[in-house]
């Protein structure tokens, strides 16, 4: 993005003639009048408060709910969830449509959507609809415990969020879908294993395949989305499931660990190809894990181990600084050497 002062500086430097500058400014002012100002989220104090408030409400009704809250009974919990959802839906719709405040309005709609698991839990608890794995415990256990009985709650969250997205194109609502899918990747393992508690290896494999499927959906979303970043949350939670399942592999030969390192290096290239920093974050963490494990093997029970690990950390920081200084050149080289057929596979935002 360039400001008017940038264009005037270009004219002063002789890059643009005064008549050209005048025509260009008139054209751009006309575009500003036709195109409404972007109302997407920005990193300022107001947006920080809006998102923080939404997360506090969502957490209060789920992650931080107390045992006493769960003991209200299924019918009371369902009514509470429906009332919360109705109030936040009305308030969010008002801000979205009447006041044109899409960010706070969208966040209120997201809060309403997040009530779907609580309402579903209340209905199931009141009617005893728990399926083959029985009652999974109190609602507060939804977040820390892996249980096959949570599946219907996760499906309800996904369906409700999808309906909300049909009317309110707010990317943060996708985070609820991605979060529910991530939880589903763990809670499906008991169904696949046919037991109330699946073994660790089954959960790990389900996580890998489910995460890979979520990444494919994220890529397709990235290719087709026109406005708003609806793929970000799918990429994030897809990587949590996929990369987490691969990283959780126990043991491994020297060759297998080297392949794991190469996989994480490939994520760094994937980050440049797709224009998604989330791949770089997980890739750097994975390479650091590998180097730390390698240092532990080489300097096992040695006084030098903390110093070797510190040196690795400094090297990673140095690599980050080196990339920061040369990222334009790296991107330009990447663009110049990438075959045209491969370029067409990149999402629009990555080009």
Protein backbone atom coordinates (compact mmCIF):
# COMPACT_ATOMS: atom_id res chain seq x y z
CA UNK A 1 0.00 0.00 0.00
CA UNK A 2 1.23 3.47 -0.91
CA UNK A 3 0.14 6.79 0.58
CA UNK A 4 -0.41 10.07 -1.25
CA UNK A 5 2.82 11.39 0.26
CA UNK A 6 4.69 8.47 -1.34
CA UNK A 7 3.30 9.37 -4.75
CA UNK A 8 4.14 13.04 -4.29
CA UNK A 9 7.67 12.07 -3.28
CA UNK A 10 7.92 10.03 -6.50
CA UNK A 11 6.83 13.14 -8.44
CA UNK A 12 9.41 15.28 -6.67
CA UNK A 13 12.08 12.71 -7.54
CA UNK A 14 11.10 12.94 -11.21
CA UNK A 15 9.58 9.45 -11.47
CA UNK A 16 6.11 10.90 -12.18
CA UNK A 17 5.31 14.08 -14.12
CA UNK A 18 2.92 16.53 -12.34
CA UNK A 19 0.08 15.83 -14.84
CA UNK A 20 0.56 12.09 -14.33
CA UNK A 21 0.49 12.57 -10.56
CA UNK A 22 -2.73 14.58 -10.75
CA UNK A 23 -4.47 11.98 -12.95
CA UNK A 24 -3.28 9.12 -10.72
CA UNK A 25 -4.49 10.84 -7.53
CA UNK A 26 -7.89 11.60 -9.10
CA UNK A 27 -8.22 7.96 -10.17
CA UNK A 28 -7.28 6.60 -6.75
CA UNK A 29 -9.63 8.99 -4.94
CA UNK A 30 -12.43 7.74 -7.15
CA UNK A 31 -11.63 4.15 -6.18
CA UNK A 32 -11.64 5.06 -2.49
CA UNK A 33 -15.10 6.55 -2.90
CA UNK A 34 -16.39 3.40 -4.63
CA UNK A 35 -14.73 0.77 -2.42
CA UNK A 36 -15.75 0.79 1.27
CA UNK A 37 -12.96 0.96 3.79
CA UNK A 38 -11.80 -2.42 5.05
CA UNK A 39 -13.45 -3.37 8.30
CA UNK A 40 -11.42 -6.49 8.97
CA UNK A 41 -9.58 -7.09 12.21
CA UNK A 42 -6.58 -4.91 12.95
CA UNK A 43 -4.08 -5.07 15.77
CA UNK A 44 -5.19 -2.04 17.75
CA UNK A 45 -6.46 -1.58 21.29
CA UNK A 46 -10.15 -1.69 20.36
CA UNK A 47 -9.81 -4.95 18.42
CA UNK A 48 -7.67 -6.41 21.20
CA UNK A 49 -10.46 -5.69 23.71
CA UNK A 50 -13.13 -7.10 21.39
CA UNK A 51 -11.30 -10.38 20.83
CA UNK A 52 -10.26 -10.65 24.49
CA UNK A 53 -13.86 -10.16 25.64
CA UNK A 54 -15.15 -12.78 23.21
CA UNK A 55 -12.54 -15.31 24.30
CA UNK A 56 -13.34 -14.63 27.98
CA UNK A 57 -17.04 -15.35 27.41
CA UNK A 58 -16.33 -18.48 25.37
CA UNK A 59 -13.85 -19.70 27.99
CA UNK A 60 -16.19 -18.91 30.87
CA UNK A 61 -18.96 -21.05 29.37
CA UNK A 62 -16.65 -23.93 28.50
CA UNK A 63 -13.00 -24.23 29.40
CA UNK A 64 -13.34 -22.54 32.80
CA UNK A 65 -16.79 -23.78 33.75
CA UNK A 66 -16.86 -25.16 37.30
CA UNK A 67 -18.19 -28.41 38.70
CA UNK A 68 -21.11 -26.48 40.24
CA UNK A 69 -21.97 -25.16 36.77
CA UNK A 70 -22.13 -28.71 35.41
CA UNK A 71 -24.35 -29.80 38.30
CA UNK A 72 -27.14 -27.45 37.19
CA UNK A 73 -28.55 -30.39 35.27
CA UNK A 74 -28.95 -31.03 31.57
CA UNK A 75 -32.19 -29.11 31.13
CA UNK A 76 -30.86 -25.99 32.88
CA UNK A 77 -27.61 -26.13 30.89
CA UNK A 78 -29.50 -26.40 27.60
CA UNK A 79 -31.74 -23.45 28.49
CA UNK A 80 -28.71 -21.38 29.58
CA UNK A 81 -26.96 -22.11 26.28
CA UNK A 82 -30.03 -21.24 24.20
CA UNK A 83 -30.60 -17.97 26.08
CA UNK A 84 -26.93 -16.99 25.71
CA UNK A 85 -27.00 -17.88 21.99
CA UNK A 86 -30.19 -15.88 21.40
CA UNK A 87 -28.96 -12.77 23.22
CA UNK A 88 -25.56 -12.76 21.51
CA UNK A 89 -27.11 -13.53 18.12
CA UNK A 90 -29.50 -10.58 18.34
CA UNK A 91 -26.75 -8.23 19.56
CA UNK A 92 -24.29 -9.47 16.93
CA UNK A 93 -26.83 -9.15 14.11
CA UNK A 94 -27.63 -5.60 15.20
CA UNK A 95 -23.99 -4.53 15.17
CA UNK A 96 -23.31 -6.36 11.91
CA UNK A 97 -26.27 -5.05 9.90
CA UNK A 98 -27.39 -1.81 11.53
CA UNK A 99 -24.12 -0.34 12.81
CA UNK A 100 -21.85 -1.90 10.17
CA UNK A 101 -19.47 -2.98 12.96
CA UNK A 102 -18.52 -6.32 11.47
CA UNK A 103 -15.73 -7.23 13.88
CA UNK A 104 -17.58 -6.89 17.22
CA UNK A 105 -20.77 -8.14 15.54
CA UNK A 106 -18.99 -11.18 14.11
CA UNK A 107 -17.41 -11.94 17.47
CA UNK A 108 -20.81 -11.89 19.18
CA UNK A 109 -22.11 -14.28 16.53
CA UNK A 110 -19.08 -16.51 17.20
CA UNK A 111 -19.94 -16.51 20.92
CA UNK A 112 -23.49 -17.57 20.05
CA UNK A 113 -22.15 -20.39 17.88
CA UNK A 114 -19.86 -21.56 20.69
CA UNK A 115 -22.97 -22.31 22.78
CA UNK A 116 -23.86 -25.22 20.47
CA UNK A 117 -21.75 -27.84 22.33
CA UNK A 118 -23.22 -26.75 25.69
CA UNK A 119 -26.79 -26.91 24.37
CA UNK A 120 -26.13 -30.33 22.84
CA UNK A 121 -24.58 -31.59 26.08
CA UNK A 122 -27.59 -30.35 28.05
CA UNK A 123 -30.06 -32.07 25.72
CA UNK A 124 -28.07 -35.33 25.75
CA UNK A 125 -27.74 -35.22 29.52
CA UNK A 126 -31.44 -34.53 30.05
CA UNK A 127 -32.55 -37.31 27.70
CA UNK A 128 -29.71 -39.76 28.34
CA UNK A 129 -28.62 -39.85 24.68
CA UNK A 130 -24.98 -40.83 25.17
CA UNK A 131 -24.58 -43.77 22.78
CA UNK A 132 -22.32 -46.75 23.21
CA UNK A 133 -19.66 -45.04 25.34
CA UNK A 134 -22.05 -43.71 27.97
CA UNK A 135 -22.03 -40.40 29.80
CA UNK A 136 -18.55 -38.86 29.43
CA UNK A 137 -18.63 -36.89 32.69
CA UNK A 138 -19.27 -33.25 33.50
CA UNK A 139 -19.27 -30.62 30.77
CA UNK A 140 -16.02 -29.14 32.07
CA UNK A 141 -14.32 -32.41 31.05
CA UNK A 142 -15.06 -31.72 27.37
CA UNK A 143 -11.74 -29.92 26.95
CA UNK A 144 -9.18 -32.04 28.86
CA UNK A 145 -10.56 -35.58 28.33
CA UNK A 146 -10.70 -37.60 25.11
CA UNK A 147 -14.04 -39.42 24.95
CA UNK A 148 -16.04 -40.89 22.07
CA UNK A 149 -19.24 -39.50 23.60
CA UNK A 150 -18.24 -35.92 22.74
CA UNK A 151 -18.67 -36.49 18.97
CA UNK A 152 -22.25 -35.23 18.73
CA UNK A 153 -21.28 -31.99 20.51
CA UNK A 154 -18.49 -31.42 18.01
CA UNK A 155 -20.79 -32.13 15.07
CA UNK A 156 -23.30 -29.62 16.48
CA UNK A 157 -20.58 -26.96 16.74
CA UNK A 158 -19.45 -27.56 13.15
CA UNK A 159 -22.98 -27.48 11.70
CA UNK A 160 -23.95 -24.38 13.69
CA UNK A 161 -20.78 -22.54 12.64
CA UNK A 162 -21.35 -23.49 8.98
CA UNK A 163 -24.89 -22.07 9.14
CA UNK A 164 -23.59 -18.88 10.77
CA UNK A 165 -20.98 -18.48 8.02
CA UNK A 166 -23.75 -18.63 5.45
CA UNK A 167 -25.13 -15.33 6.78
CA UNK A 168 -22.08 -13.72 8.43
CA UNK A 169 -18.84 -14.02 6.46
CA UNK A 170 -16.60 -13.55 9.47
CA UNK A 171 -13.35 -15.62 9.39
CA UNK A 172 -13.11 -16.06 13.19
CA UNK A 173 -16.21 -18.28 13.10
CA UNK A 174 -14.08 -20.78 11.17
CA UNK A 175 -11.92 -21.12 14.31
CA UNK A 176 -14.85 -22.87 16.01
CA UNK A 177 -15.12 -25.31 13.10
CA UNK A 178 -11.36 -25.92 13.14
CA UNK A 179 -11.30 -26.31 16.92
CA UNK A 180 -14.19 -28.82 16.83
CA UNK A 181 -12.52 -30.74 14.00
CA UNK A 182 -9.27 -30.88 16.00
CA UNK A 183 -11.12 -32.29 19.01
CA UNK A 184 -13.01 -34.68 16.74
CA UNK A 185 -9.71 -36.03 15.42
CA UNK A 186 -8.96 -37.23 18.95
CA UNK A 187 -12.48 -38.30 19.95
CA UNK A 188 -12.95 -40.40 16.79
CA UNK A 189 -10.14 -42.74 17.85
CA UNK A 190 -12.35 -44.70 20.33
CA UNK A 191 -14.95 -45.20 17.58
CA UNK A 192 -12.30 -46.53 15.20
CA UNK A 193 -10.75 -48.74 17.87
CA UNK A 194 -14.17 -49.92 19.03
CA UNK A 195 -13.23 -49.34 22.65
CA UNK A 196 -13.95 -46.64 25.20
CA UNK A 197 -10.26 -45.70 25.37
CA UNK A 198 -8.21 -46.10 22.18
CA UNK A 199 -4.51 -46.84 22.55
CA UNK A 200 -1.98 -44.08 21.96
CA UNK A 201 -0.85 -45.36 18.55
CA UNK A 202 -4.43 -45.40 17.21
CA UNK A 203 -5.02 -41.84 18.42
CA UNK A 204 -1.74 -40.74 16.85
CA UNK A 205 -2.56 -42.24 13.43
CA UNK A 206 -6.10 -40.81 13.47
CA UNK A 207 -4.63 -37.40 14.32
CA UNK A 208 -2.21 -37.57 11.39
CA UNK A 209 -4.81 -38.55 8.80
CA UNK A 210 -7.47 -36.21 10.15
CA UNK A 211 -4.97 -33.34 10.23
CA UNK A 212 -3.88 -34.08 6.66
CA UNK A 213 -7.53 -33.99 5.53
CA UNK A 214 -8.03 -30.67 7.32
CA UNK A 215 -4.97 -29.22 5.57
CA UNK A 216 -6.39 -30.28 2.19
CA UNK A 217 -9.67 -28.51 3.04
CA UNK A 218 -7.67 -25.45 4.14
CA UNK A 219 -5.76 -25.42 0.83
CA UNK A 220 -8.99 -25.67 -1.20
CA UNK A 221 -10.52 -22.88 0.91
CA UNK A 222 -7.39 -20.80 0.34
CA UNK A 223 -7.73 -21.26 -3.41
CA UNK A 224 -11.39 -20.27 -3.66
CA UNK A 225 -11.80 -17.56 -1.00
CA UNK A 226 -12.26 -14.06 -2.40
CA UNK A 227 -12.36 -11.83 0.68
CA UNK A 228 -11.31 -12.58 4.24
CA UNK A 229 -8.92 -15.23 5.45
CA UNK A 230 -11.15 -18.24 6.11
CA UNK A 231 -8.32 -20.76 5.68
CA UNK A 232 -6.06 -19.57 8.53
CA UNK A 233 -7.77 -21.47 11.35
CA UNK A 234 -8.06 -24.63 9.27
CA UNK A 235 -4.33 -24.48 8.54
CA UNK A 236 -3.52 -23.88 12.22
CA UNK A 237 -5.57 -26.72 13.69
CA UNK A 238 -4.79 -29.00 10.74
CA UNK A 239 -1.09 -28.52 11.47
CA UNK A 240 -1.67 -29.12 15.19
CA UNK A 241 -3.26 -32.49 14.42
CA UNK A 242 -0.96 -33.50 11.54
CA UNK A 243 2.38 -32.25 12.84
CA UNK A 244 1.50 -33.19 16.42
CA UNK A 245 0.73 -36.78 15.44
CA UNK A 246 4.00 -37.11 13.53
CA UNK A 247 6.04 -35.47 16.29
CA UNK A 248 4.46 -37.76 18.92
CA UNK A 249 6.15 -40.78 17.32
CA UNK A 250 8.14 -42.47 20.06
CA UNK A 251 11.66 -43.76 19.58
CA UNK A 252 12.83 -43.98 15.99
CA UNK A 253 16.11 -44.80 14.32
CA UNK A 254 18.72 -42.22 13.34
CA UNK A 255 17.42 -42.36 9.75
CA UNK A 256 13.81 -41.87 10.85
CA UNK A 257 14.77 -38.84 12.92
CA UNK A 258 16.69 -37.41 9.97
CA UNK A 259 13.57 -37.89 7.83
CA UNK A 260 11.58 -36.06 10.51
CA UNK A 261 14.03 -33.16 10.27
CA UNK A 262 13.72 -33.16 6.48
CA UNK A 263 9.93 -33.13 6.85
CA UNK A 264 10.15 -29.99 8.99
CA UNK A 265 12.54 -28.34 6.54
CA UNK A 266 9.97 -29.10 3.82
CA UNK A 267 7.41 -27.24 5.93
CA UNK A 268 9.63 -24.15 5.71
CA UNK A 269 9.54 -24.34 1.91
CA UNK A 270 5.81 -25.01 2.09
CA UNK A 271 5.44 -21.80 4.06
CA UNK A 272 7.02 -19.81 1.21
CA UNK A 273 5.04 -21.69 -1.45
CA UNK A 274 1.65 -21.21 0.21
CA UNK A 275 2.40 -17.85 1.81
CA UNK A 276 1.43 -19.30 5.23
CA UNK A 277 3.66 -18.56 8.22
CA UNK A 278 2.00 -21.32 10.29
CA UNK A 279 4.01 -23.91 8.33
CA UNK A 280 7.22 -22.06 9.13
CA UNK A 281 6.36 -21.92 12.85
CA UNK A 282 5.83 -25.67 13.13
CA UNK A 283 8.80 -26.36 10.85
CA UNK A 284 11.18 -24.31 12.99
CA UNK A 285 9.89 -25.98 16.17
CA UNK A 286 10.36 -29.41 14.60
CA UNK A 287 13.91 -28.67 13.45
CA UNK A 288 14.69 -27.34 16.93
CA UNK A 289 13.35 -30.57 18.46
CA UNK A 290 15.57 -32.60 16.14
CA UNK A 291 18.68 -30.52 16.85
CA UNK A 292 17.97 -30.66 20.59
CA UNK A 293 17.64 -34.45 20.46
CA UNK A 294 20.85 -34.66 18.42
CA UNK A 295 22.69 -32.48 20.93
CA UNK A 296 21.39 -34.64 23.75
CA UNK A 297 22.79 -37.75 22.05
CA UNK A 298 26.17 -36.18 21.34
CA UNK A 299 26.56 -34.41 24.71
CA UNK A 300 24.65 -36.86 26.90
CA UNK A 301 25.57 -36.47 30.60
CA UNK A 302 28.02 -33.78 29.58
CA UNK A 303 28.53 -30.36 31.11
CA UNK A 304 28.50 -28.99 27.58
CA UNK A 305 24.87 -29.97 26.85
CA UNK A 306 23.25 -26.72 28.09
CA UNK A 307 25.84 -24.70 26.18
CA UNK A 308 25.32 -26.74 23.01
CA UNK A 309 21.56 -26.31 23.27
CA UNK A 310 21.98 -22.57 23.86
CA UNK A 311 24.18 -22.37 20.77
CA UNK A 312 21.44 -24.07 18.74
CA UNK A 313 18.93 -21.53 20.02
CA UNK A 314 21.21 -18.65 19.05
CA UNK A 315 21.72 -20.23 15.61
CA UNK A 316 17.95 -20.46 15.10
CA UNK A 317 17.58 -16.77 16.03
CA UNK A 318 20.43 -15.92 13.66
CA UNK A 319 18.75 -17.87 10.87
CA UNK A 320 15.58 -15.88 11.53
CA UNK A 321 17.48 -12.59 11.30
CA UNK A 322 19.21 -13.73 8.11
CA UNK A 323 15.88 -14.62 6.55
CA UNK A 324 14.31 -11.34 7.69
CA UNK A 325 17.01 -9.34 5.98
CA UNK A 326 16.86 -11.34 2.75
CA UNK A 327 13.20 -12.38 2.57
CA UNK A 328 12.51 -10.18 -0.47
CA UNK A 329 15.44 -11.70 -2.36
CA UNK A 330 14.44 -15.23 -1.32
CA UNK A 331 10.85 -14.65 -2.44
CA UNK A 332 12.03 -13.14 -5.74
CA UNK A 333 14.33 -16.12 -6.40
CA UNK A 334 11.50 -18.48 -5.54
CA UNK A 335 9.16 -16.71 -7.95
CA UNK A 336 11.75 -16.66 -10.73
CA UNK A 337 12.66 -20.35 -10.49
CA UNK A 338 9.25 -21.88 -9.82
CA UNK A 339 7.80 -23.61 -12.93
CA UNK A 340 4.64 -22.00 -14.31
CA UNK A 341 2.65 -25.18 -13.75
CA UNK A 342 3.56 -25.20 -10.08
CA UNK A 343 2.86 -21.46 -9.73
CA UNK A 344 -0.73 -22.06 -10.78
CA UNK A 345 -1.16 -24.33 -7.73
CA UNK A 346 -0.41 -21.48 -5.33
CA UNK A 347 -3.29 -19.68 -3.60
CA UNK A 348 -3.91 -16.13 -4.83
CA UNK A 349 -2.66 -14.58 -1.60
CA UNK A 350 0.67 -16.40 -1.88
CA UNK A 351 1.50 -15.14 -5.35
